[in-house]
Amino acid sequence: MIPRRVESLTLTEKAGATRFEVLVKPRASKSAIRGERNGALDVAIAAPPVDGAANEELVRVIARALDVAPKTVAIAHGAASRTKVVEVRGLSPADVRARLGARRA
């Protein structure tokens, strides 16, 4: 479930991929995109930040939300941080915004 408010999400395009910042809250009660905060996507992840489990769950959550294969989503920066930069190959910034905005909270 994705909130409709993603208009102020900061999206950049680089080498055929779209990048955006993600604020991650690990060990949440359930994995979900909670909205946008300060230009970044706010995502709760049920998995703990141990052995890459939270990063793997983050990739799955974003891929599911954008209706793309998980292999097209990667963490470009911040793998060990709660603030990450995620890259989605094959979608333009307009496509990402449209797909996130089309989902209902």
N, C-alpha and C. Protein backbone atom coordinates (compact mmCIF):
# COMPACT_ATOMS: atom_id res chain seq x y z
N MET A 1 0.84 -1.18 0.00
CA MET A 1 0.00 0.00 0.00
C MET A 1 0.88 1.23 0.00
N ILE A 2 0.60 2.14 -0.90
CA ILE A 2 1.44 3.30 -1.08
C ILE A 2 0.61 4.57 -1.01
N PRO A 3 1.04 5.52 -0.20
CA PRO A 3 0.32 6.79 -0.15
C PRO A 3 0.40 7.50 -1.50
N ARG A 4 -0.63 8.27 -1.81
CA ARG A 4 -0.67 8.99 -3.08
C ARG A 4 0.31 10.15 -3.10
N ARG A 5 0.73 10.66 -1.97
CA ARG A 5 1.55 11.87 -1.93
C ARG A 5 3.01 11.55 -2.21
N VAL A 6 3.40 11.67 -3.46
CA VAL A 6 4.80 11.46 -3.86
C VAL A 6 5.27 12.57 -4.78
N GLU A 7 4.48 13.64 -4.88
CA GLU A 7 4.81 14.72 -5.79
C GLU A 7 6.17 15.35 -5.47
N SER A 8 6.53 15.44 -4.20
CA SER A 8 7.77 16.12 -3.83
C SER A 8 8.96 15.15 -3.69
N LEU A 9 8.78 13.90 -4.10
CA LEU A 9 9.87 12.94 -4.09
C LEU A 9 10.92 13.39 -5.11
N THR A 10 12.18 13.48 -4.69
CA THR A 10 13.26 13.91 -5.56
C THR A 10 13.77 12.72 -6.37
N LEU A 11 13.62 12.79 -7.69
CA LEU A 11 14.05 11.71 -8.59
C LEU A 11 15.09 12.25 -9.55
N THR A 12 16.15 11.49 -9.78
CA THR A 12 17.17 11.87 -10.75
C THR A 12 17.39 10.72 -11.72
N GLU A 13 17.82 11.07 -12.93
CA GLU A 13 18.08 10.05 -13.94
C GLU A 13 19.57 10.01 -14.22
N LYS A 14 20.11 8.79 -14.27
CA LYS A 14 21.53 8.62 -14.54
C LYS A 14 21.73 7.31 -15.29
N ALA A 15 22.26 7.40 -16.48
CA ALA A 15 22.61 6.23 -17.29
C ALA A 15 21.45 5.26 -17.46
N GLY A 16 20.27 5.78 -17.80
CA GLY A 16 19.13 4.91 -18.05
C GLY A 16 18.44 4.36 -16.83
N ALA A 17 18.77 4.89 -15.66
CA ALA A 17 18.15 4.44 -14.42
C ALA A 17 17.67 5.66 -13.63
N THR A 18 16.69 5.44 -12.78
CA THR A 18 16.18 6.50 -11.92
C THR A 18 16.65 6.24 -10.50
N ARG A 19 17.15 7.29 -9.86
CA ARG A 19 17.63 7.19 -8.48
C ARG A 19 16.80 8.08 -7.56
N PHE A 20 16.63 7.61 -6.34
CA PHE A 20 15.94 8.41 -5.33
C PHE A 20 16.40 7.97 -3.95
N GLU A 21 16.27 8.88 -3.01
CA GLU A 21 16.68 8.62 -1.63
C GLU A 21 15.54 7.90 -0.90
N VAL A 22 15.93 6.98 -0.02
CA VAL A 22 14.97 6.22 0.78
C VAL A 22 15.38 6.30 2.25
N LEU A 23 14.42 6.61 3.10
CA LEU A 23 14.62 6.58 4.55
C LEU A 23 14.01 5.28 5.05
N VAL A 24 14.83 4.41 5.64
CA VAL A 24 14.39 3.07 6.03
C VAL A 24 14.23 2.97 7.54
N LYS A 25 13.12 2.37 7.95
CA LYS A 25 12.89 2.06 9.36
C LYS A 25 12.83 0.54 9.48
N PRO A 26 13.94 -0.10 9.90
CA PRO A 26 13.94 -1.56 10.03
C PRO A 26 13.18 -2.01 11.29
N ARG A 27 12.88 -3.30 11.34
CA ARG A 27 12.18 -3.92 12.47
C ARG A 27 10.79 -3.32 12.71
N ALA A 28 10.13 -2.91 11.65
CA ALA A 28 8.76 -2.39 11.76
C ALA A 28 7.80 -3.58 11.90
N SER A 29 6.57 -3.32 12.27
CA SER A 29 5.60 -4.40 12.41
C SER A 29 5.26 -5.03 11.05
N LYS A 30 5.32 -4.23 9.97
CA LYS A 30 5.13 -4.76 8.63
C LYS A 30 5.89 -3.89 7.63
N SER A 31 6.21 -4.48 6.49
CA SER A 31 6.91 -3.74 5.44
C SER A 31 5.91 -2.96 4.61
N ALA A 32 6.16 -1.66 4.46
CA ALA A 32 5.26 -0.82 3.68
C ALA A 32 5.91 0.51 3.35
N ILE A 33 5.51 1.09 2.24
CA ILE A 33 5.94 2.45 1.91
C ILE A 33 4.99 3.38 2.64
N ARG A 34 5.56 4.24 3.48
CA ARG A 34 4.75 5.09 4.35
C ARG A 34 4.49 6.47 3.76
N GLY A 35 5.21 6.84 2.72
CA GLY A 35 5.00 8.15 2.11
C GLY A 35 6.30 8.79 1.72
N GLU A 36 6.30 10.11 1.74
CA GLU A 36 7.47 10.90 1.36
C GLU A 36 7.82 11.81 2.52
N ARG A 37 9.11 11.97 2.76
CA ARG A 37 9.56 12.87 3.82
C ARG A 37 10.84 13.56 3.36
N ASN A 38 10.78 14.88 3.29
CA ASN A 38 11.93 15.69 2.90
C ASN A 38 12.56 15.25 1.57
N GLY A 39 11.72 14.94 0.60
CA GLY A 39 12.19 14.56 -0.71
C GLY A 39 12.60 13.11 -0.86
N ALA A 40 12.47 12.32 0.21
CA ALA A 40 12.86 10.92 0.17
C ALA A 40 11.64 10.03 0.41
N LEU A 41 11.70 8.81 -0.09
CA LEU A 41 10.65 7.83 0.14
C LEU A 41 10.84 7.26 1.54
N ASP A 42 9.79 7.24 2.34
CA ASP A 42 9.82 6.74 3.71
C ASP A 42 9.28 5.31 3.70
N VAL A 43 10.14 4.34 4.06
CA VAL A 43 9.78 2.93 3.96
C VAL A 43 10.02 2.21 5.28
N ALA A 44 9.01 1.50 5.76
CA ALA A 44 9.14 0.65 6.95
C ALA A 44 9.43 -0.76 6.46
N ILE A 45 10.39 -1.41 7.11
CA ILE A 45 10.81 -2.76 6.74
C ILE A 45 10.70 -3.67 7.96
N ALA A 46 10.02 -4.80 7.81
CA ALA A 46 9.84 -5.72 8.93
C ALA A 46 11.13 -6.47 9.28
N ALA A 47 11.98 -6.67 8.31
CA ALA A 47 13.22 -7.43 8.54
C ALA A 47 14.21 -6.63 9.39
N PRO A 48 15.02 -7.33 10.19
CA PRO A 48 16.05 -6.65 10.96
C PRO A 48 17.25 -6.30 10.07
N PRO A 49 18.03 -5.30 10.47
CA PRO A 49 19.21 -4.93 9.67
C PRO A 49 20.39 -5.85 9.95
N VAL A 50 20.22 -7.14 9.72
CA VAL A 50 21.24 -8.13 10.01
C VAL A 50 21.50 -8.96 8.75
N ASP A 51 22.76 -9.11 8.38
CA ASP A 51 23.16 -9.92 7.22
C ASP A 51 22.45 -9.53 5.93
N GLY A 52 22.13 -8.25 5.77
CA GLY A 52 21.51 -7.76 4.54
C GLY A 52 20.03 -8.06 4.40
N ALA A 53 19.40 -8.59 5.45
CA ALA A 53 17.98 -8.95 5.36
C ALA A 53 17.10 -7.73 5.10
N ALA A 54 17.36 -6.63 5.76
CA ALA A 54 16.55 -5.43 5.57
C ALA A 54 16.74 -4.87 4.15
N ASN A 55 17.97 -4.91 3.65
CA ASN A 55 18.22 -4.43 2.28
C ASN A 55 17.49 -5.29 1.25
N GLU A 56 17.51 -6.60 1.44
CA GLU A 56 16.81 -7.50 0.53
C GLU A 56 15.31 -7.24 0.55
N GLU A 57 14.76 -7.04 1.74
CA GLU A 57 13.33 -6.75 1.87
C GLU A 57 12.99 -5.40 1.25
N LEU A 58 13.86 -4.41 1.41
CA LEU A 58 13.65 -3.10 0.80
C LEU A 58 13.56 -3.22 -0.72
N VAL A 59 14.46 -3.96 -1.31
CA VAL A 59 14.45 -4.16 -2.77
C VAL A 59 13.14 -4.81 -3.20
N ARG A 60 12.69 -5.83 -2.45
CA ARG A 60 11.43 -6.50 -2.79
C ARG A 60 10.24 -5.55 -2.68
N VAL A 61 10.20 -4.74 -1.63
CA VAL A 61 9.08 -3.81 -1.42
C VAL A 61 9.02 -2.78 -2.55
N ILE A 62 10.16 -2.21 -2.90
CA ILE A 62 10.18 -1.21 -3.97
C ILE A 62 9.85 -1.84 -5.32
N ALA A 63 10.39 -3.02 -5.60
CA ALA A 63 10.09 -3.70 -6.86
C ALA A 63 8.59 -4.00 -6.97
N ARG A 64 8.00 -4.47 -5.89
CA ARG A 64 6.56 -4.77 -5.90
C ARG A 64 5.75 -3.49 -6.12
N ALA A 65 6.13 -2.42 -5.46
CA ALA A 65 5.41 -1.15 -5.58
C ALA A 65 5.49 -0.59 -7.01
N LEU A 66 6.62 -0.78 -7.67
CA LEU A 66 6.82 -0.25 -9.01
C LEU A 66 6.45 -1.25 -10.10
N ASP A 67 6.07 -2.46 -9.69
CA ASP A 67 5.71 -3.51 -10.63
C ASP A 67 6.84 -3.82 -11.61
N VAL A 68 8.04 -4.02 -11.03
CA VAL A 68 9.22 -4.40 -11.81
C VAL A 68 9.87 -5.62 -11.15
N ALA A 69 10.75 -6.27 -11.86
CA ALA A 69 11.48 -7.40 -11.30
C ALA A 69 12.48 -6.89 -10.26
N PRO A 70 12.66 -7.62 -9.15
CA PRO A 70 13.61 -7.19 -8.13
C PRO A 70 15.03 -7.00 -8.66
N LYS A 71 15.41 -7.71 -9.72
CA LYS A 71 16.77 -7.57 -10.25
C LYS A 71 17.01 -6.19 -10.88
N THR A 72 15.95 -5.42 -11.15
CA THR A 72 16.11 -4.09 -11.72
C THR A 72 16.25 -3.01 -10.65
N VAL A 73 16.12 -3.40 -9.38
CA VAL A 73 16.23 -2.47 -8.26
C VAL A 73 17.52 -2.77 -7.50
N ALA A 74 18.29 -1.72 -7.21
CA ALA A 74 19.55 -1.90 -6.49
C ALA A 74 19.77 -0.75 -5.52
N ILE A 75 20.50 -1.03 -4.47
CA ILE A 75 20.90 0.02 -3.54
C ILE A 75 22.22 0.58 -4.05
N ALA A 76 22.19 1.82 -4.52
CA ALA A 76 23.38 2.44 -5.12
C ALA A 76 24.34 2.97 -4.07
N HIS A 77 23.80 3.49 -2.98
CA HIS A 77 24.62 4.04 -1.89
C HIS A 77 23.91 3.80 -0.56
N GLY A 78 24.70 3.65 0.50
CA GLY A 78 24.14 3.59 1.84
C GLY A 78 23.66 2.24 2.29
N ALA A 79 24.24 1.17 1.80
CA ALA A 79 23.78 -0.17 2.17
C ALA A 79 23.81 -0.41 3.68
N ALA A 80 24.72 0.24 4.39
CA ALA A 80 24.82 0.06 5.85
C ALA A 80 24.16 1.19 6.63
N SER A 81 23.42 2.04 5.94
CA SER A 81 22.81 3.23 6.56
C SER A 81 21.29 3.15 6.47
N ARG A 82 20.61 3.90 7.31
CA ARG A 82 19.15 3.99 7.21
C ARG A 82 18.73 4.90 6.06
N THR A 83 19.62 5.78 5.63
CA THR A 83 19.38 6.63 4.47
C THR A 83 20.12 6.03 3.29
N LYS A 84 19.38 5.64 2.26
CA LYS A 84 19.97 4.94 1.12
C LYS A 84 19.59 5.66 -0.18
N VAL A 85 20.35 5.39 -1.21
CA VAL A 85 19.98 5.82 -2.56
C VAL A 85 19.68 4.55 -3.33
N VAL A 86 18.46 4.48 -3.86
CA VAL A 86 18.01 3.31 -4.60
C VAL A 86 17.97 3.66 -6.08
N GLU A 87 18.36 2.70 -6.89
CA GLU A 87 18.39 2.87 -8.35
C GLU A 87 17.45 1.85 -8.98
N VAL A 88 16.61 2.32 -9.89
CA VAL A 88 15.70 1.44 -10.62
C VAL A 88 16.03 1.56 -12.11
N ARG A 89 16.49 0.47 -12.69
CA ARG A 89 16.85 0.46 -14.10
C ARG A 89 15.61 0.23 -14.97
N GLY A 90 15.54 0.95 -16.08
CA GLY A 90 14.47 0.74 -17.04
C GLY A 90 13.23 1.60 -16.86
N LEU A 91 13.20 2.43 -15.83
CA LEU A 91 12.06 3.34 -15.63
C LEU A 91 12.57 4.78 -15.59
N SER A 92 11.85 5.65 -16.23
CA SER A 92 12.18 7.08 -16.17
C SER A 92 11.66 7.65 -14.86
N PRO A 93 12.14 8.84 -14.46
CA PRO A 93 11.58 9.48 -13.27
C PRO A 93 10.06 9.65 -13.35
N ALA A 94 9.55 9.99 -14.53
CA ALA A 94 8.11 10.14 -14.69
C ALA A 94 7.38 8.82 -14.46
N ASP A 95 7.97 7.71 -14.95
CA ASP A 95 7.37 6.39 -14.74
C ASP A 95 7.33 6.04 -13.25
N VAL A 96 8.43 6.29 -12.55
CA VAL A 96 8.49 5.98 -11.11
C VAL A 96 7.43 6.79 -10.37
N ARG A 97 7.37 8.08 -10.63
CA ARG A 97 6.40 8.93 -9.95
C ARG A 97 4.96 8.48 -10.25
N ALA A 98 4.68 8.15 -11.52
CA ALA A 98 3.35 7.72 -11.90
C ALA A 98 2.97 6.41 -11.22
N ARG A 99 3.91 5.46 -11.17
CA ARG A 99 3.60 4.16 -10.57
C ARG A 99 3.42 4.27 -9.06
N LEU A 100 4.21 5.09 -8.41
CA LEU A 100 4.03 5.28 -6.97
C LEU A 100 2.74 6.04 -6.68
N GLY A 101 2.45 7.05 -7.49
CA GLY A 101 1.26 7.86 -7.28
C GLY A 101 -0.03 7.15 -7.63
N ALA A 102 0.03 6.11 -8.45
CA ALA A 102 -1.17 5.39 -8.88
C ALA A 102 -1.68 4.45 -7.80
N ARG A 103 -0.85 4.12 -6.82
CA ARG A 103 -1.25 3.18 -5.76
C ARG A 103 -2.05 3.92 -4.70
N ARG A 104 -2.92 3.20 -4.04
CA ARG A 104 -3.74 3.80 -2.98
C ARG A 104 -3.18 3.44 -1.61
N ALA A 105 -3.34 4.38 -0.67
CA ALA A 105 -2.90 4.14 0.71
C ALA A 105 -3.85 3.22 1.41
